[in-house]
Structures are given as structure tokens and as C-alpha cells.
């Protein structure tokens, strides 16, 4: 269980976007590990499911004198757990609340609605696909293989610095 916004929040929308982007990174890494497993390069691998919801929760130390844990509880946490259970292997399933916060930057596909506990109303769910293309190109370049890993977030990177480092790497490869 991972949560955003405590002890410091960047605002509900940015926290939701950060969470979904982190989930995409986790999924990408696990897909890479699964490919290594299929090629026989590693002995164990597993497929993950990620459920994400946005809302107010109770956060703090819970327990007794004998055992105290910093944790998070509440209806919104339970819904995130339900989304995780409903997600297909190696996928990210988000609530409608989260979708509304990230839909401008993240490509999603509408999936089957689910019911909230204690509520007969159905809630829309969305499967996260990837970051949206911006300015005619994907805002992220990512590739991993044997002996190399490249991750460039074009919305954040200093492009001149990245070009310089990539040219240095190309020069070393050619020599």
C-alpha cells in the first residue's frame, strides 16, 4: 500500500498524477523483469495488479502498546484495494475520481463499472495505458535491455544536457 499527500501534498491533482506515473514505472519494470524470466535469465518473476483511488483517508499510528503501525484506513483505501483485485494482471485500474484528475495527461480505457461497498450505485473504472502524446510525440522515452536502460521524461529533462550525454554514450559505443 502506497499513499500520496501525507505528510506533504502537492495538491490532489498533482498527487494523483504522481501516483499514476509511479504505477506506470512499476508496471514497466515488472514487464521488463517478466521478459527476463521468460528468456530464462532470472528464476522468479510475478505479475502485478495496481488499484488507485483518490479521496480523504484517516492516516496515522494505529494499534496498541505492543504493536503500533503508521497506516492508512477508510472507505477510499478499501476502494483502492477493490480496484486492485479487479485489475487484470500487469495492469493499473483507477477510480472515476482519479480519472477525472489525470485524464488530460494519461491515456485510459473505460472498463467495467464496480459497486462501492455499502452503496448500490456503480462507479466507472478506467485502465491506465500510458502518458498521452504531447506536441506530436510521447512525453517519455523508455527502453531497457541487456546491459542498458534509457528513460527520458521529455517534459522534465534539460534537452541540451540529455543530448550531450546521449552523444557521449554513442561515441563510446562506436569506439
C-alpha atoms as a PDB file:
ATOM      1  CA  UNK A   1       0.000   0.000   0.000  1.00  0.00           C
ATOM      2  CA  UNK A   2       1.389   3.357  -1.030  1.00  0.00           C
ATOM      3  CA  UNK A   3      -0.307   6.685  -0.496  1.00  0.00           C
ATOM      4  CA  UNK A   4       0.388  10.244  -1.557  1.00  0.00           C
ATOM      5  CA  UNK A   5      -0.356  13.529   0.177  1.00  0.00           C
ATOM      6  CA  UNK A   6       0.917  12.835   3.690  1.00  0.00           C
ATOM      7  CA  UNK A   7       2.781  14.381   5.325  1.00  0.00           C
ATOM      8  CA  UNK A   8       3.106  16.813   2.411  1.00  0.00           C
ATOM      9  CA  UNK A   9       0.740  17.223  -0.509  1.00  0.00           C
ATOM     10  CA  UNK A  10       1.320  18.802  -3.890  1.00  0.00           C
ATOM     11  CA  UNK A  11      -2.435  19.129  -4.291  1.00  0.00           C
ATOM     12  CA  UNK A  12      -4.963  16.452  -5.116  1.00  0.00           C
ATOM     13  CA  UNK A  13      -4.437  16.597  -8.889  1.00  0.00           C
ATOM     14  CA  UNK A  14      -0.622  16.502  -8.749  1.00  0.00           C
ATOM     15  CA  UNK A  15      -0.659  13.773  -6.074  1.00  0.00           C
ATOM     16  CA  UNK A  16      -2.972  11.663  -8.278  1.00  0.00           C
ATOM     17  CA  UNK A  17      -0.780  12.220 -11.340  1.00  0.00           C
ATOM     18  CA  UNK A  18       2.390  11.372  -9.379  1.00  0.00           C
ATOM     19  CA  UNK A  19       0.756   8.183  -8.137  1.00  0.00           C
ATOM     20  CA  UNK A  20      -0.346   7.065 -11.607  1.00  0.00           C
ATOM     21  CA  UNK A  21       3.074   7.882 -13.086  1.00  0.00           C
ATOM     22  CA  UNK A  22       4.765   5.853 -10.347  1.00  0.00           C
ATOM     23  CA  UNK A  23       2.386   2.963 -11.092  1.00  0.00           C
ATOM     24  CA  UNK A  24       3.347   3.151 -14.785  1.00  0.00           C
ATOM     25  CA  UNK A  25       7.030   2.959 -13.789  1.00  0.00           C
ATOM     26  CA  UNK A  26       6.346  -0.071 -11.585  1.00  0.00           C
ATOM     27  CA  UNK A  27       4.404  -1.798 -14.360  1.00  0.00           C
ATOM     28  CA  UNK A  28       7.135  -1.092 -16.905  1.00  0.00           C
ATOM     29  CA  UNK A  29       9.819  -2.501 -14.614  1.00  0.00           C
ATOM     30  CA  UNK A  30       7.802  -5.642 -13.887  1.00  0.00           C
ATOM     31  CA  UNK A  31       7.176  -6.168 -17.621  1.00  0.00           C
ATOM     32  CA  UNK A  32      10.946  -5.978 -18.139  1.00  0.00           C
ATOM     33  CA  UNK A  33      11.543  -8.500 -15.329  1.00  0.00           C
ATOM     34  CA  UNK A  34       8.872 -10.804 -16.775  1.00  0.00           C
ATOM     35  CA  UNK A  35      10.653 -10.771 -20.161  1.00  0.00           C
ATOM     36  CA  UNK A  36      13.902 -11.718 -18.389  1.00  0.00           C
ATOM     37  CA  UNK A  37      12.057 -14.592 -16.692  1.00  0.00           C
ATOM     38  CA  UNK A  38      10.610 -15.817 -19.997  1.00  0.00           C
ATOM     39  CA  UNK A  39      14.120 -15.823 -21.515  1.00  0.00           C
ATOM     40  CA  UNK A  40      15.410 -17.855 -18.543  1.00  0.00           C
ATOM     41  CA  UNK A  41      17.662 -15.049 -17.298  1.00  0.00           C
ATOM     42  CA  UNK A  42      16.085 -14.966 -13.824  1.00  0.00           C
ATOM     43  CA  UNK A  43      14.435 -17.711 -11.772  1.00  0.00           C
ATOM     44  CA  UNK A  44      11.391 -15.907 -10.418  1.00  0.00           C
ATOM     45  CA  UNK A  45       9.012 -13.226 -11.603  1.00  0.00           C
ATOM     46  CA  UNK A  46       5.456 -12.280 -10.860  1.00  0.00           C
ATOM     47  CA  UNK A  47       2.694 -10.231 -12.395  1.00  0.00           C
ATOM     48  CA  UNK A  48       1.326  -7.246 -10.508  1.00  0.00           C
ATOM     49  CA  UNK A  49      -2.075  -5.592 -10.331  1.00  0.00           C
ATOM     50  CA  UNK A  50      -2.402  -1.970  -9.232  1.00  0.00           C
ATOM     51  CA  UNK A  51      -5.552  -0.237  -7.977  1.00  0.00           C
ATOM     52  CA  UNK A  52      -5.627   3.537  -7.463  1.00  0.00           C
ATOM     53  CA  UNK A  53      -8.290   5.711  -5.872  1.00  0.00           C
ATOM     54  CA  UNK A  54      -8.316   9.334  -4.723  1.00  0.00           C
ATOM     55  CA  UNK A  55     -10.046  10.651  -1.630  1.00  0.00           C
ATOM     56  CA  UNK A  56      -9.814  11.557   2.033  1.00  0.00           C
ATOM     57  CA  UNK A  57      -8.497   8.874   4.382  1.00  0.00           C
ATOM     58  CA  UNK A  58      -7.518   8.517   8.014  1.00  0.00           C
ATOM     59  CA  UNK A  59      -3.737   8.413   8.344  1.00  0.00           C
ATOM     60  CA  UNK A  60      -1.682   7.897  11.478  1.00  0.00           C
ATOM     61  CA  UNK A  61      -0.370   5.476  14.063  1.00  0.00           C
ATOM     62  CA  UNK A  62      -2.779   2.634  14.770  1.00  0.00           C
ATOM     63  CA  UNK A  63      -2.501  -0.287  17.135  1.00  0.00           C
ATOM     64  CA  UNK A  64      -1.736  -0.953  20.768  1.00  0.00           C
ATOM     65  CA  UNK A  65       1.186  -0.502  23.141  1.00  0.00           C
ATOM     66  CA  UNK A  66       2.604  -3.826  21.936  1.00  0.00           C
ATOM     67  CA  UNK A  67       2.360  -3.070  18.242  1.00  0.00           C
ATOM     68  CA  UNK A  68       1.945   0.319  16.608  1.00  0.00           C
ATOM     69  CA  UNK A  69       1.983   0.908  12.843  1.00  0.00           C
ATOM     70  CA  UNK A  70       1.794   4.046  10.742  1.00  0.00           C
ATOM     71  CA  UNK A  71      -1.047   3.213   8.390  1.00  0.00           C
ATOM     72  CA  UNK A  72      -3.974   4.444   6.356  1.00  0.00           C
ATOM     73  CA  UNK A  73      -7.608   3.360   6.654  1.00  0.00           C
ATOM     74  CA  UNK A  74     -11.002   4.279   5.299  1.00  0.00           C
ATOM     75  CA  UNK A  75     -13.543   3.760   2.551  1.00  0.00           C
ATOM     76  CA  UNK A  76     -11.258   5.216  -0.141  1.00  0.00           C
ATOM     77  CA  UNK A  77      -8.467   2.801   0.845  1.00  0.00           C
ATOM     78  CA  UNK A  78     -10.885  -0.123   0.650  1.00  0.00           C
ATOM     79  CA  UNK A  79     -11.972   1.002  -2.811  1.00  0.00           C
ATOM     80  CA  UNK A  80      -8.337   1.096  -3.980  1.00  0.00           C
ATOM     81  CA  UNK A  81      -7.994  -2.488  -2.742  1.00  0.00           C
ATOM     82  CA  UNK A  82     -11.118  -3.497  -4.646  1.00  0.00           C
ATOM     83  CA  UNK A  83      -9.743  -1.868  -7.811  1.00  0.00           C
ATOM     84  CA  UNK A  84      -6.517  -3.832  -7.382  1.00  0.00           C
ATOM     85  CA  UNK A  85      -8.475  -7.088  -7.103  1.00  0.00           C
ATOM     86  CA  UNK A  86     -10.486  -6.275 -10.252  1.00  0.00           C
ATOM     87  CA  UNK A  87      -7.439  -5.238 -12.306  1.00  0.00           C
ATOM     88  CA  UNK A  88      -6.115  -7.634 -14.921  1.00  0.00           C
ATOM     89  CA  UNK A  89      -2.590  -8.978 -14.290  1.00  0.00           C
ATOM     90  CA  UNK A  90       0.071  -6.410 -15.245  1.00  0.00           C
ATOM     91  CA  UNK A  91      -2.445  -3.572 -15.398  1.00  0.00           C
ATOM     92  CA  UNK A  92      -3.472  -0.456 -13.488  1.00  0.00           C
ATOM     93  CA  UNK A  93      -7.141   0.149 -12.694  1.00  0.00           C
ATOM     94  CA  UNK A  94      -8.226   3.554 -11.373  1.00  0.00           C
ATOM     95  CA  UNK A  95     -11.406   5.026  -9.964  1.00  0.00           C
ATOM     96  CA  UNK A  96     -13.524   7.625 -11.709  1.00  0.00           C
ATOM     97  CA  UNK A  97     -12.347  10.178  -9.131  1.00  0.00           C
ATOM     98  CA  UNK A  98      -8.703   9.589 -10.031  1.00  0.00           C
ATOM     99  CA  UNK A  99      -9.508   9.502 -13.752  1.00  0.00           C
ATOM    100  CA  UNK A 100     -11.105  12.951 -13.610  1.00  0.00           C
ATOM    101  CA  UNK A 101      -7.884  14.334 -12.088  1.00  0.00           C
ATOM    102  CA  UNK A 102      -5.413  12.778 -14.553  1.00  0.00           C
ATOM    103  CA  UNK A 103      -7.356  12.380 -17.814  1.00  0.00           C
ATOM    104  CA  UNK A 104      -5.643  15.337 -19.521  1.00  0.00           C
ATOM    105  CA  UNK A 105      -2.213  13.701 -19.201  1.00  0.00           C
ATOM    106  CA  UNK A 106      -2.840   9.957 -19.011  1.00  0.00           C
ATOM    107  CA  UNK A 107      -4.404   7.740 -21.670  1.00  0.00           C
ATOM    108  CA  UNK A 108      -7.036   5.408 -20.222  1.00  0.00           C
ATOM    109  CA  UNK A 109      -9.651   2.925 -21.417  1.00  0.00           C
ATOM    110  CA  UNK A 110     -13.054   2.756 -19.742  1.00  0.00           C
ATOM    111  CA  UNK A 111     -13.634  -0.647 -18.115  1.00  0.00           C
ATOM    112  CA  UNK A 112     -16.478  -2.422 -16.321  1.00  0.00           C
ATOM    113  CA  UNK A 113     -18.062  -0.396 -13.501  1.00  0.00           C
ATOM    114  CA  UNK A 114     -17.856  -1.713  -9.945  1.00  0.00           C
ATOM    115  CA  UNK A 115     -20.024  -1.193  -6.899  1.00  0.00           C
ATOM    116  CA  UNK A 116     -18.745   0.600  -3.835  1.00  0.00           C
ATOM    117  CA  UNK A 117     -19.127  -1.226  -0.534  1.00  0.00           C
ATOM    118  CA  UNK A 118     -22.349  -0.196   1.183  1.00  0.00           C
ATOM    119  CA  UNK A 119     -23.579   1.580  -1.939  1.00  0.00           C
ATOM    120  CA  UNK A 120     -25.682   0.135  -4.752  1.00  0.00           C
ATOM    121  CA  UNK A 121     -24.510   2.785  -7.233  1.00  0.00           C
ATOM    122  CA  UNK A 122     -21.942   1.662  -9.771  1.00  0.00           C
ATOM    123  CA  UNK A 123     -18.700   3.564 -10.215  1.00  0.00           C
ATOM    124  CA  UNK A 124     -16.868   3.794 -13.537  1.00  0.00           C
ATOM    125  CA  UNK A 125     -13.350   2.384 -13.684  1.00  0.00           C
ATOM    126  CA  UNK A 126     -10.525   3.033 -16.123  1.00  0.00           C
ATOM    127  CA  UNK A 127      -7.466   1.058 -17.142  1.00  0.00           C
ATOM    128  CA  UNK A 128      -4.336   3.185 -17.401  1.00  0.00           C
ATOM    129  CA  UNK A 129      -2.495   2.762 -20.707  1.00  0.00           C
ATOM    130  CA  UNK A 130       0.321   5.352 -20.728  1.00  0.00           C
ATOM    131  CA  UNK A 131       1.112   9.040 -20.712  1.00  0.00           C
ATOM    132  CA  UNK A 132      -0.633  10.914 -23.525  1.00  0.00           C
ATOM    133  CA  UNK A 133       1.248  12.082 -26.571  1.00  0.00           C
ATOM    134  CA  UNK A 134       2.045  15.779 -26.347  1.00  0.00           C
ATOM    135  CA  UNK A 135       3.076  18.037 -29.219  1.00  0.00           C
ATOM    136  CA  UNK A 136       3.018  15.133 -31.632  1.00  0.00           C
ATOM    137  CA  UNK A 137       5.379  12.977 -29.601  1.00  0.00           C
ATOM    138  CA  UNK A 138       5.295  10.872 -26.497  1.00  0.00           C
ATOM    139  CA  UNK A 139       6.466  12.809 -23.456  1.00  0.00           C
ATOM    140  CA  UNK A 140       8.539   9.848 -22.337  1.00  0.00           C
ATOM    141  CA  UNK A 141      11.153   7.673 -23.997  1.00  0.00           C
ATOM    142  CA  UNK A 142      11.851   4.414 -22.237  1.00  0.00           C
ATOM    143  CA  UNK A 143      13.743   1.330 -23.336  1.00  0.00           C
ATOM    144  CA  UNK A 144      15.517  -1.394 -21.383  1.00  0.00           C
ATOM    145  CA  UNK A 145      17.565  -4.343 -22.498  1.00  0.00           C
ATOM    146  CA  UNK A 146      20.572  -6.435 -21.594  1.00  0.00           C
ATOM    147  CA  UNK A 147      23.217  -4.027 -20.343  1.00  0.00           C
ATOM    148  CA  UNK A 148      21.346  -0.801 -20.947  1.00  0.00           C
ATOM    149  CA  UNK A 149      18.438   1.274 -19.705  1.00  0.00           C
ATOM    150  CA  UNK A 150      17.186   4.578 -21.123  1.00  0.00           C
ATOM    151  CA  UNK A 151      14.456   6.674 -19.543  1.00  0.00           C
ATOM    152  CA  UNK A 152      13.851  10.249 -20.689  1.00  0.00           C
ATOM    153  CA  UNK A 153      10.913  12.304 -19.495  1.00  0.00           C
ATOM    154  CA  UNK A 154      10.776  14.958 -22.203  1.00  0.00           C
ATOM    155  CA  UNK A 155       8.535  17.151 -20.088  1.00  0.00           C
ATOM    156  CA  UNK A 156      11.210  17.422 -17.375  1.00  0.00           C
ATOM    157  CA  UNK A 157      14.647  16.800 -18.856  1.00  0.00           C
ATOM    158  CA  UNK A 158      17.133  19.517 -19.802  1.00  0.00           C
ATOM    159  CA  UNK A 159      17.209  18.640 -23.501  1.00  0.00           C
ATOM    160  CA  UNK A 160      20.707  20.026 -24.182  1.00  0.00           C
ATOM    161  CA  UNK A 161      22.138  18.044 -21.260  1.00  0.00           C
ATOM    162  CA  UNK A 162      20.351  14.876 -22.431  1.00  0.00           C
ATOM    163  CA  UNK A 163      21.640  15.313 -25.999  1.00  0.00           C
ATOM    164  CA  UNK A 164      25.186  15.805 -24.691  1.00  0.00           C
ATOM    165  CA  UNK A 165      25.019  12.627 -22.564  1.00  0.00           C
ATOM    166  CA  UNK A 166      23.451  10.579 -25.365  1.00  0.00           C
ATOM    167  CA  UNK A 167      26.135  11.749 -27.813  1.00  0.00           C
ATOM    168  CA  UNK A 168      28.831  10.744 -25.281  1.00  0.00           C
ATOM    169  CA  UNK A 169      27.234   7.305 -24.988  1.00  0.00           C
ATOM    170  CA  UNK A 170      27.056   6.946 -28.789  1.00  0.00           C
ATOM    171  CA  UNK A 171      30.725   7.883 -29.102  1.00  0.00           C
ATOM    172  CA  UNK A 172      31.686   5.206 -26.549  1.00  0.00           C
ATOM    173  CA  UNK A 173      29.576   2.620 -28.393  1.00  0.00           C
ATOM    174  CA  UNK A 174      31.250   3.434 -31.713  1.00  0.00           C
ATOM    175  CA  UNK A 175      34.793   3.116 -30.306  1.00  0.00           C
END
